[in-house]
Amino acid sequence: SALDIIPALQRAGAIVAYYDCLVPTLRLHDGTTLQSLDNP
């Protein structure tokens, strides 16, 4: 559900970053790619 939560937060004006030690790169449904923070 993070794939739905992140774009919803972005549409609401949030600047979104994420940290996941097992998922270094995240591709959203619209094709946007995010990189996990190395050191949150």
PDB file of all heavy atoms in Angstrom:
ATOM      1  N   SER A   1       0.826  -1.208   0.000  1.00  0.00           N
ATOM      2  CA  SER A   1       0.000   0.000   0.000  1.00  0.00           C
ATOM      3  C   SER A   1       0.864   1.263   0.000  1.00  0.00           C
ATOM      4  O   SER A   1       0.359   2.343  -0.279  1.00  0.00           O
ATOM      5  CB  SER A   1      -0.956  -0.005   1.187  1.00  0.00           C
ATOM      6  OG  SER A   1      -0.239  -0.079   2.406  1.00  0.00           O
ATOM      7  N   ALA A   2       2.157   1.132   0.267  1.00  0.00           N
ATOM      8  CA  ALA A   2       3.059   2.291   0.181  1.00  0.00           C
ATOM      9  C   ALA A   2       3.055   2.872  -1.224  1.00  0.00           C
ATOM     10  O   ALA A   2       3.225   4.082  -1.410  1.00  0.00           O
ATOM     11  CB  ALA A   2       4.476   1.903   0.584  1.00  0.00           C
ATOM     12  N   LEU A   3       2.821   2.023  -2.233  1.00  0.00           N
ATOM     13  CA  LEU A   3       2.785   2.488  -3.615  1.00  0.00           C
ATOM     14  C   LEU A   3       1.579   3.387  -3.877  1.00  0.00           C
ATOM     15  O   LEU A   3       1.565   4.140  -4.854  1.00  0.00           O
ATOM     16  CB  LEU A   3       2.785   1.302  -4.581  1.00  0.00           C
ATOM     17  CG  LEU A   3       4.027   0.419  -4.523  1.00  0.00           C
ATOM     18  CD1 LEU A   3       3.856  -0.800  -5.422  1.00  0.00           C
ATOM     19  CD2 LEU A   3       5.273   1.203  -4.887  1.00  0.00           C
ATOM     20  N   ASP A   4       0.585   3.328  -3.024  1.00  0.00           N
ATOM     21  CA  ASP A   4      -0.569   4.227  -3.106  1.00  0.00           C
ATOM     22  C   ASP A   4      -0.435   5.392  -2.134  1.00  0.00           C
ATOM     23  O   ASP A   4      -0.863   6.508  -2.424  1.00  0.00           O
ATOM     24  CB  ASP A   4      -1.863   3.465  -2.803  1.00  0.00           C
ATOM     25  CG  ASP A   4      -2.141   2.366  -3.810  1.00  0.00           C
ATOM     26  OD1 ASP A   4      -1.927   2.605  -5.010  1.00  0.00           O
ATOM     27  OD2 ASP A   4      -2.562   1.277  -3.399  1.00  0.00           O
ATOM     28  N   ILE A   5       0.158   5.142  -0.984  1.00  0.00           N
ATOM     29  CA  ILE A   5       0.290   6.169   0.058  1.00  0.00           C
ATOM     30  C   ILE A   5       1.238   7.279  -0.384  1.00  0.00           C
ATOM     31  O   ILE A   5       0.945   8.465  -0.219  1.00  0.00           O
ATOM     32  CB  ILE A   5       0.772   5.542   1.385  1.00  0.00           C
ATOM     33  CG1 ILE A   5      -0.318   4.622   1.942  1.00  0.00           C
ATOM     34  CG2 ILE A   5       1.159   6.617   2.393  1.00  0.00           C
ATOM     35  CD1 ILE A   5       0.151   3.762   3.110  1.00  0.00           C
ATOM     36  N   ILE A   6       2.375   6.920  -0.954  1.00  0.00           N
ATOM     37  CA  ILE A   6       3.378   7.921  -1.338  1.00  0.00           C
ATOM     38  C   ILE A   6       2.812   8.926  -2.343  1.00  0.00           C
ATOM     39  O   ILE A   6       2.902  10.136  -2.117  1.00  0.00           O
ATOM     40  CB  ILE A   6       4.675   7.256  -1.846  1.00  0.00           C
ATOM     41  CG1 ILE A   6       5.378   6.551  -0.678  1.00  0.00           C
ATOM     42  CG2 ILE A   6       5.595   8.268  -2.505  1.00  0.00           C
ATOM     43  CD1 ILE A   6       6.540   5.676  -1.087  1.00  0.00           C
ATOM     44  N   PRO A   7       2.201   8.484  -3.455  1.00  0.00           N
ATOM     45  CA  PRO A   7       1.639   9.471  -4.388  1.00  0.00           C
ATOM     46  C   PRO A   7       0.519  10.306  -3.767  1.00  0.00           C
ATOM     47  O   PRO A   7       0.382  11.490  -4.084  1.00  0.00           O
ATOM     48  CB  PRO A   7       1.115   8.625  -5.552  1.00  0.00           C
ATOM     49  CG  PRO A   7       1.791   7.317  -5.438  1.00  0.00           C
ATOM     50  CD  PRO A   7       2.117   7.131  -3.997  1.00  0.00           C
ATOM     51  N   ALA A   8      -0.271   9.715  -2.894  1.00  0.00           N
ATOM     52  CA  ALA A   8      -1.340  10.479  -2.244  1.00  0.00           C
ATOM     53  C   ALA A   8      -0.750  11.592  -1.379  1.00  0.00           C
ATOM     54  O   ALA A   8      -1.253  12.723  -1.382  1.00  0.00           O
ATOM     55  CB  ALA A   8      -2.213   9.557  -1.400  1.00  0.00           C
ATOM     56  N   LEU A   9       0.323  11.294  -0.666  1.00  0.00           N
ATOM     57  CA  LEU A   9       0.991  12.318   0.136  1.00  0.00           C
ATOM     58  C   LEU A   9       1.590  13.409  -0.759  1.00  0.00           C
ATOM     59  O   LEU A   9       1.486  14.595  -0.452  1.00  0.00           O
ATOM     60  CB  LEU A   9       2.084  11.692   1.012  1.00  0.00           C
ATOM     61  CG  LEU A   9       1.600  10.816   2.157  1.00  0.00           C
ATOM     62  CD1 LEU A   9       2.774  10.063   2.781  1.00  0.00           C
ATOM     63  CD2 LEU A   9       0.889  11.659   3.206  1.00  0.00           C
ATOM     64  N   GLN A  10       2.181  12.995  -1.870  1.00  0.00           N
ATOM     65  CA  GLN A  10       2.758  13.963  -2.806  1.00  0.00           C
ATOM     66  C   GLN A  10       1.685  14.870  -3.401  1.00  0.00           C
ATOM     67  O   GLN A  10       1.886  16.079  -3.509  1.00  0.00           O
ATOM     68  CB  GLN A  10       3.532  13.241  -3.911  1.00  0.00           C
ATOM     69  CG  GLN A  10       4.796  12.584  -3.409  1.00  0.00           C
ATOM     70  CD  GLN A  10       5.455  11.707  -4.450  1.00  0.00           C
ATOM     71  OE1 GLN A  10       4.783  11.073  -5.275  1.00  0.00           O
ATOM     72  NE2 GLN A  10       6.779  11.655  -4.421  1.00  0.00           N
ATOM     73  N   ARG A  11       0.548  14.304  -3.767  1.00  0.00           N
ATOM     74  CA  ARG A  11      -0.556  15.119  -4.312  1.00  0.00           C
ATOM     75  C   ARG A  11      -1.066  16.119  -3.278  1.00  0.00           C
ATOM     76  O   ARG A  11      -1.533  17.194  -3.635  1.00  0.00           O
ATOM     77  CB  ARG A  11      -1.713  14.223  -4.783  1.00  0.00           C
ATOM     78  CG  ARG A  11      -1.444  13.536  -6.103  1.00  0.00           C
ATOM     79  CD  ARG A  11      -2.690  12.874  -6.668  1.00  0.00           C
ATOM     80  NE  ARG A  11      -3.288  11.886  -5.786  1.00  0.00           N
ATOM     81  CZ  ARG A  11      -2.921  10.608  -5.711  1.00  0.00           C
ATOM     82  NH1 ARG A  11      -1.942  10.164  -6.477  1.00  0.00           N
ATOM     83  NH2 ARG A  11      -3.542   9.789  -4.901  1.00  0.00           N
ATOM     84  N   ALA A  12      -0.947  15.757  -2.011  1.00  0.00           N
ATOM     85  CA  ALA A  12      -1.375  16.665  -0.934  1.00  0.00           C
ATOM     86  C   ALA A  12      -0.315  17.716  -0.620  1.00  0.00           C
ATOM     87  O   ALA A  12      -0.519  18.551   0.251  1.00  0.00           O
ATOM     88  CB  ALA A  12      -1.710  15.861   0.321  1.00  0.00           C
ATOM     89  N   GLY A  13       0.822  17.663  -1.324  1.00  0.00           N
ATOM     90  CA  GLY A  13       1.851  18.678  -1.141  1.00  0.00           C
ATOM     91  C   GLY A  13       3.026  18.260  -0.281  1.00  0.00           C
ATOM     92  O   GLY A  13       3.927  19.063  -0.030  1.00  0.00           O
ATOM     93  N   ALA A  14       3.043  17.020   0.170  1.00  0.00           N
ATOM     94  CA  ALA A  14       4.148  16.554   1.013  1.00  0.00           C
ATOM     95  C   ALA A  14       5.392  16.268   0.178  1.00  0.00           C
ATOM     96  O   ALA A  14       5.299  15.820  -0.966  1.00  0.00           O
ATOM     97  CB  ALA A  14       3.746  15.294   1.769  1.00  0.00           C
ATOM     98  N   ILE A  15       6.533  16.543   0.755  1.00  0.00           N
ATOM     99  CA  ILE A  15       7.811  16.113   0.186  1.00  0.00           C
ATOM    100  C   ILE A  15       8.107  14.770   0.838  1.00  0.00           C
ATOM    101  O   ILE A  15       8.267  14.681   2.056  1.00  0.00           O
ATOM    102  CB  ILE A  15       8.929  17.125   0.481  1.00  0.00           C
ATOM    103  CG1 ILE A  15       8.589  18.466  -0.165  1.00  0.00           C
ATOM    104  CG2 ILE A  15      10.269  16.595  -0.024  1.00  0.00           C
ATOM    105  CD1 ILE A  15       9.497  19.591   0.273  1.00  0.00           C
ATOM    106  N   VAL A  16       8.135  13.726   0.030  1.00  0.00           N
ATOM    107  CA  VAL A  16       8.225  12.366   0.550  1.00  0.00           C
ATOM    108  C   VAL A  16       9.608  11.790   0.283  1.00  0.00           C
ATOM    109  O   VAL A  16      10.129  11.881  -0.821  1.00  0.00           O
ATOM    110  CB  VAL A  16       7.150  11.460  -0.089  1.00  0.00           C
ATOM    111  CG1 VAL A  16       7.285  10.026   0.403  1.00  0.00           C
ATOM    112  CG2 VAL A  16       5.753  11.998   0.191  1.00  0.00           C
ATOM    113  N   ALA A  17      10.179  11.197   1.312  1.00  0.00           N
ATOM    114  CA  ALA A  17      11.405  10.407   1.198  1.00  0.00           C
ATOM    115  C   ALA A  17      11.127   9.099   1.925  1.00  0.00           C
ATOM    116  O   ALA A  17      10.227   9.027   2.762  1.00  0.00           O
ATOM    117  CB  ALA A  17      12.581  11.132   1.819  1.00  0.00           C
ATOM    118  N   TYR A  18      11.889   8.082   1.604  1.00  0.00           N
ATOM    119  CA  TYR A  18      11.677   6.821   2.306  1.00  0.00           C
ATOM    120  C   TYR A  18      13.003   6.169   2.659  1.00  0.00           C
ATOM    121  O   TYR A  18      14.036   6.462   2.082  1.00  0.00           O
ATOM    122  CB  TYR A  18      10.784   5.874   1.482  1.00  0.00           C
ATOM    123  CG  TYR A  18      11.521   5.055   0.445  1.00  0.00           C
ATOM    124  CD1 TYR A  18      11.905   3.748   0.703  1.00  0.00           C
ATOM    125  CD2 TYR A  18      11.827   5.587  -0.803  1.00  0.00           C
ATOM    126  CE1 TYR A  18      12.573   2.996  -0.247  1.00  0.00           C
ATOM    127  CE2 TYR A  18      12.486   4.846  -1.766  1.00  0.00           C
ATOM    128  CZ  TYR A  18      12.857   3.541  -1.476  1.00  0.00           C
ATOM    129  OH  TYR A  18      13.518   2.794  -2.405  1.00  0.00           O
ATOM    130  N   TYR A  19      12.909   5.282   3.643  1.00  0.00           N
ATOM    131  CA  TYR A  19      14.065   4.496   4.053  1.00  0.00           C
ATOM    132  C   TYR A  19      13.617   3.052   4.175  1.00  0.00           C
ATOM    133  O   TYR A  19      12.656   2.746   4.889  1.00  0.00           O
ATOM    134  CB  TYR A  19      14.620   4.983   5.389  1.00  0.00           C
ATOM    135  CG  TYR A  19      15.614   4.028   5.994  1.00  0.00           C
ATOM    136  CD1 TYR A  19      16.852   3.841   5.403  1.00  0.00           C
ATOM    137  CD2 TYR A  19      15.311   3.297   7.120  1.00  0.00           C
ATOM    138  CE1 TYR A  19      17.765   2.948   5.934  1.00  0.00           C
ATOM    139  CE2 TYR A  19      16.218   2.407   7.664  1.00  0.00           C
ATOM    140  CZ  TYR A  19      17.441   2.233   7.067  1.00  0.00           C
ATOM    141  OH  TYR A  19      18.338   1.346   7.581  1.00  0.00           O
ATOM    142  N   ASP A  20      14.279   2.170   3.451  1.00  0.00           N
ATOM    143  CA  ASP A  20      14.020   0.738   3.551  1.00  0.00           C
ATOM    144  C   ASP A  20      15.318   0.021   3.242  1.00  0.00           C
ATOM    145  O   ASP A  20      15.838   0.125   2.127  1.00  0.00           O
ATOM    146  CB  ASP A  20      12.918   0.326   2.571  1.00  0.00           C
ATOM    147  CG  ASP A  20      12.438  -1.099   2.795  1.00  0.00           C
ATOM    148  OD1 ASP A  20      13.287  -1.989   3.056  1.00  0.00           O
ATOM    149  OD2 ASP A  20      11.231  -1.326   2.703  1.00  0.00           O
ATOM    150  N   CYS A  21      15.828  -0.691   4.225  1.00  0.00           N
ATOM    151  CA  CYS A  21      17.120  -1.365   4.057  1.00  0.00           C
ATOM    152  C   CYS A  21      17.050  -2.513   3.043  1.00  0.00           C
ATOM    153  O   CYS A  21      18.072  -2.952   2.542  1.00  0.00           O
ATOM    154  CB  CYS A  21      17.631  -1.867   5.399  1.00  0.00           C
ATOM    155  SG  CYS A  21      16.564  -3.084   6.210  1.00  0.00           S
ATOM    156  N   LEU A  22      15.842  -2.974   2.716  1.00  0.00           N
ATOM    157  CA  LEU A  22      15.689  -4.074   1.767  1.00  0.00           C
ATOM    158  C   LEU A  22      15.223  -3.636   0.378  1.00  0.00           C
ATOM    159  O   LEU A  22      15.243  -4.426  -0.558  1.00  0.00           O
ATOM    160  CB  LEU A  22      14.698  -5.110   2.324  1.00  0.00           C
ATOM    161  CG  LEU A  22      15.087  -5.743   3.653  1.00  0.00           C
ATOM    162  CD1 LEU A  22      14.018  -6.726   4.105  1.00  0.00           C
ATOM    163  CD2 LEU A  22      16.444  -6.434   3.559  1.00  0.00           C
ATOM    164  N   VAL A  23      14.805  -2.384   0.248  1.00  0.00           N
ATOM    165  CA  VAL A  23      14.302  -1.874  -1.032  1.00  0.00           C
ATOM    166  C   VAL A  23      15.039  -0.574  -1.359  1.00  0.00           C
ATOM    167  O   VAL A  23      14.596   0.511  -1.005  1.00  0.00           O
ATOM    168  CB  VAL A  23      12.777  -1.637  -0.983  1.00  0.00           C
ATOM    169  CG1 VAL A  23      12.261  -1.161  -2.341  1.00  0.00           C
ATOM    170  CG2 VAL A  23      12.043  -2.891  -0.541  1.00  0.00           C
ATOM    171  N   PRO A  24      16.189  -0.666  -2.019  1.00  0.00           N
ATOM    172  CA  PRO A  24      16.987   0.528  -2.286  1.00  0.00           C
ATOM    173  C   PRO A  24      16.370   1.472  -3.316  1.00  0.00           C
ATOM    174  O   PRO A  24      16.616   2.664  -3.294  1.00  0.00           O
ATOM    175  CB  PRO A  24      18.321  -0.026  -2.788  1.00  0.00           C
ATOM    176  CG  PRO A  24      18.029  -1.397  -3.263  1.00  0.00           C
ATOM    177  CD  PRO A  24      16.853  -1.897  -2.463  1.00  0.00           C
ATOM    178  N   THR A  25      15.553   0.935  -4.236  1.00  0.00           N
ATOM    179  CA  THR A  25      14.910   1.745  -5.261  1.00  0.00           C
ATOM    180  C   THR A  25      13.439   1.358  -5.326  1.00  0.00           C
ATOM    181  O   THR A  25      13.099   0.181  -5.272  1.00  0.00           O
ATOM    182  CB  THR A  25      15.554   1.503  -6.640  1.00  0.00           C
ATOM    183  OG1 THR A  25      16.945   1.801  -6.550  1.00  0.00           O
ATOM    184  CG2 THR A  25      14.941   2.380  -7.705  1.00  0.00           C
ATOM    185  N   LEU A  26      12.609   2.375  -5.448  1.00  0.00           N
ATOM    186  CA  LEU A  26      11.163   2.150  -5.471  1.00  0.00           C
ATOM    187  C   LEU A  26      10.592   2.814  -6.715  1.00  0.00           C
ATOM    188  O   LEU A  26      10.808   3.996  -6.950  1.00  0.00           O
ATOM    189  CB  LEU A  26      10.545   2.768  -4.215  1.00  0.00           C
ATOM    190  CG  LEU A  26       9.053   2.654  -4.021  1.00  0.00           C
ATOM    191  CD1 LEU A  26       8.649   1.203  -3.831  1.00  0.00           C
ATOM    192  CD2 LEU A  26       8.648   3.466  -2.802  1.00  0.00           C
ATOM    193  N   ARG A  27       9.888   2.048  -7.532  1.00  0.00           N
ATOM    194  CA  ARG A  27       9.240   2.609  -8.726  1.00  0.00           C
ATOM    195  C   ARG A  27       7.750   2.693  -8.450  1.00  0.00           C
ATOM    196  O   ARG A  27       7.094   1.697  -8.170  1.00  0.00           O
ATOM    197  CB  ARG A  27       9.497   1.757  -9.951  1.00  0.00           C
ATOM    198  CG  ARG A  27       8.874   2.360 -11.217  1.00  0.00           C
ATOM    199  CD  ARG A  27       9.232   1.563 -12.449  1.00  0.00           C
ATOM    200  NE  ARG A  27      10.665   1.581 -12.676  1.00  0.00           N
ATOM    201  CZ  ARG A  27      11.303   2.455 -13.454  1.00  0.00           C
ATOM    202  NH1 ARG A  27      10.626   3.387 -14.067  1.00  0.00           N
ATOM    203  NH2 ARG A  27      12.598   2.385 -13.617  1.00  0.00           N
ATOM    204  N   LEU A  28       7.222   3.918  -8.535  1.00  0.00           N
ATOM    205  CA  LEU A  28       5.804   4.149  -8.303  1.00  0.00           C
ATOM    206  C   LEU A  28       5.007   3.800  -9.557  1.00  0.00           C
ATOM    207  O   LEU A  28       5.567   3.623 -10.632  1.00  0.00           O
ATOM    208  CB  LEU A  28       5.574   5.608  -7.902  1.00  0.00           C
ATOM    209  CG  LEU A  28       6.317   6.065  -6.642  1.00  0.00           C
ATOM    210  CD1 LEU A  28       6.079   7.546  -6.397  1.00  0.00           C
ATOM    211  CD2 LEU A  28       5.900   5.246  -5.435  1.00  0.00           C
ATOM    212  N   HIS A  29       3.688   3.713  -9.416  1.00  0.00           N
ATOM    213  CA  HIS A  29       2.815   3.333 -10.529  1.00  0.00           C
ATOM    214  C   HIS A  29       2.959   4.259 -11.732  1.00  0.00           C
ATOM    215  O   HIS A  29       2.799   3.827 -12.870  1.00  0.00           O
ATOM    216  CB  HIS A  29       1.350   3.297 -10.079  1.00  0.00           C
ATOM    217  CG  HIS A  29       1.053   2.271  -9.044  1.00  0.00           C
ATOM    218  ND1 HIS A  29       1.344   0.925  -9.191  1.00  0.00           N
ATOM    219  CD2 HIS A  29       0.485   2.379  -7.814  1.00  0.00           C
ATOM    220  CE1 HIS A  29       0.967   0.265  -8.125  1.00  0.00           C
ATOM    221  NE2 HIS A  29       0.446   1.120  -7.266  1.00  0.00           N
ATOM    222  N   ASP A  30       3.280   5.538 -11.487  1.00  0.00           N
ATOM    223  CA  ASP A  30       3.412   6.495 -12.606  1.00  0.00           C
ATOM    224  C   ASP A  30       4.796   6.453 -13.247  1.00  0.00           C
ATOM    225  O   ASP A  30       5.091   7.233 -14.140  1.00  0.00           O
ATOM    226  CB  ASP A  30       3.084   7.913 -12.143  1.00  0.00           C
ATOM    227  CG  ASP A  30       4.119   8.501 -11.189  1.00  0.00           C
ATOM    228  OD1 ASP A  30       5.084   7.796 -10.823  1.00  0.00           O
ATOM    229  OD2 ASP A  30       3.958   9.667 -10.810  1.00  0.00           O
ATOM    230  N   GLY A  31       5.647   5.534 -12.793  1.00  0.00           N
ATOM    231  CA  GLY A  31       6.984   5.399 -13.353  1.00  0.00           C
ATOM    232  C   GLY A  31       8.051   6.186 -12.616  1.00  0.00           C
ATOM    233  O   GLY A  31       9.239   6.031 -12.890  1.00  0.00           O
ATOM    234  N   THR A  32       7.648   7.042 -11.688  1.00  0.00           N
ATOM    235  CA  THR A  32       8.606   7.803 -10.890  1.00  0.00           C
ATOM    236  C   THR A  32       9.445   6.843 -10.050  1.00  0.00           C
ATOM    237  O   THR A  32       8.930   5.883  -9.488  1.00  0.00           O
ATOM    238  CB  THR A  32       7.864   8.779  -9.943  1.00  0.00           C
ATOM    239  OG1 THR A  32       7.019   9.613 -10.720  1.00  0.00           O
ATOM    240  CG2 THR A  32       8.839   9.614  -9.145  1.00  0.00           C
ATOM    241  N   THR A  33      10.730   7.123  -9.963  1.00  0.00           N
ATOM    242  CA  THR A  33      11.632   6.299  -9.175  1.00  0.00           C
ATOM    243  C   THR A  33      12.142   7.092  -7.977  1.00  0.00           C
ATOM    244  O   THR A  33      12.541   8.245  -8.118  1.00  0.00           O
ATOM    245  CB  THR A  33      12.830   5.834 -10.025  1.00  0.00           C
ATOM    246  OG1 THR A  33      12.337   5.094 -11.143  1.00  0.00           O
ATOM    247  CG2 THR A  33      13.772   4.956  -9.231  1.00  0.00           C
ATOM    248  N   LEU A  34      12.100   6.479  -6.813  1.00  0.00           N
ATOM    249  CA  LEU A  34      12.658   7.062  -5.590  1.00  0.00           C
ATOM    250  C   LEU A  34      13.789   6.184  -5.097  1.00  0.00           C
ATOM    251  O   LEU A  34      13.754   4.963  -5.271  1.00  0.00           O
ATOM    252  CB  LEU A  34      11.583   7.164  -4.498  1.00  0.00           C
ATOM    253  CG  LEU A  34      10.359   8.029  -4.781  1.00  0.00           C
ATOM    254  CD1 LEU A  34       9.367   7.906  -3.629  1.00  0.00           C
ATOM    255  CD2 LEU A  34      10.765   9.473  -4.980  1.00  0.00           C
ATOM    256  N   GLN A  35      14.781   6.806  -4.479  1.00  0.00           N
ATOM    257  CA  GLN A  35      15.899   6.083  -3.879  1.00  0.00           C
ATOM    258  C   GLN A  35      15.758   6.112  -2.371  1.00  0.00           C
ATOM    259  O   GLN A  35      15.463   7.161  -1.794  1.00  0.00           O
ATOM    260  CB  GLN A  35      17.233   6.744  -4.272  1.00  0.00           C
ATOM    261  CG  GLN A  35      17.503   6.788  -5.756  1.00  0.00           C
ATOM    262  CD  GLN A  35      17.692   5.419  -6.364  1.00  0.00           C
ATOM    263  OE1 GLN A  35      18.299   4.546  -5.764  1.00  0.00           O
ATOM    264  NE2 GLN A  35      17.139   5.222  -7.542  1.00  0.00           N
ATOM    265  N   SER A  36      15.984   4.993  -1.729  1.00  0.00           N
ATOM    266  CA  SER A  36      15.945   4.931  -0.277  1.00  0.00           C
ATOM    267  C   SER A  36      17.041   5.822   0.299  1.00  0.00           C
ATOM    268  O   SER A  36      18.147   5.898  -0.249  1.00  0.00           O
ATOM    269  CB  SER A  36      16.158   3.495   0.200  1.00  0.00           C
ATOM    270  OG  SER A  36      16.211   3.436   1.611  1.00  0.00           O
ATOM    271  N   LEU A  37      16.733   6.491   1.381  1.00  0.00           N
ATOM    272  CA  LEU A  37      17.754   7.286   2.066  1.00  0.00           C
ATOM    273  C   LEU A  37      18.831   6.359   2.605  1.00  0.00           C
ATOM    274  O   LEU A  37      18.526   5.292   3.145  1.00  0.00           O
ATOM    275  CB  LEU A  37      17.126   8.067   3.220  1.00  0.00           C
ATOM    276  CG  LEU A  37      16.043   9.079   2.852  1.00  0.00           C
ATOM    277  CD1 LEU A  37      15.409   9.636   4.119  1.00  0.00           C
ATOM    278  CD2 LEU A  37      16.618  10.190   2.007  1.00  0.00           C
ATOM    279  N   ASP A  38      20.077   6.758   2.478  1.00  0.00           N
ATOM    280  CA  ASP A  38      21.175   5.955   3.024  1.00  0.00           C
ATOM    281  C   ASP A  38      21.262   6.081   4.537  1.00  0.00           C
ATOM    282  O   ASP A  38      21.528   5.119   5.234  1.00  0.00           O
ATOM    283  CB  ASP A  38      22.522   6.393   2.421  1.00  0.00           C
ATOM    284  CG  ASP A  38      22.640   6.020   0.957  1.00  0.00           C
ATOM    285  OD1 ASP A  38      22.070   4.991   0.565  1.00  0.00           O
ATOM    286  OD2 ASP A  38      23.295   6.769   0.226  1.00  0.00           O
ATOM    287  N   ASN A  39      21.047   7.299   5.005  1.00  0.00           N
ATOM    288  CA  ASN A  39      21.200   7.579   6.430  1.00  0.00           C
ATOM    289  C   ASN A  39      20.101   8.551   6.854  1.00  0.00           C
ATOM    290  O   ASN A  39      20.312   9.761   6.854  1.00  0.00           O
ATOM    291  CB  ASN A  39      22.591   8.184   6.670  1.00  0.00           C
ATOM    292  CG  ASN A  39      22.880   8.372   8.130  1.00  0.00           C
ATOM    293  OD1 ASN A  39      22.207   7.821   8.993  1.00  0.00           O
ATOM    294  ND2 ASN A  39      23.876   9.176   8.429  1.00  0.00           N
ATOM    295  N   PRO A  40      18.919   8.023   7.189  1.00  0.00           N
ATOM    296  CA  PRO A  40      17.827   8.932   7.544  1.00  0.00           C
ATOM    297  C   PRO A  40      18.139   9.717   8.808  1.00  0.00           C
ATOM    298  O   PRO A  40      18.833   9.239   9.700  1.00  0.00           O
ATOM    299  CB  PRO A  40      16.636   7.998   7.750  1.00  0.00           C
ATOM    300  CG  PRO A  40      17.234   6.684   8.060  1.00  0.00           C
ATOM    301  CD  PRO A  40      18.554   6.638   7.350  1.00  0.00           C
TER     302      PRO A  40
END
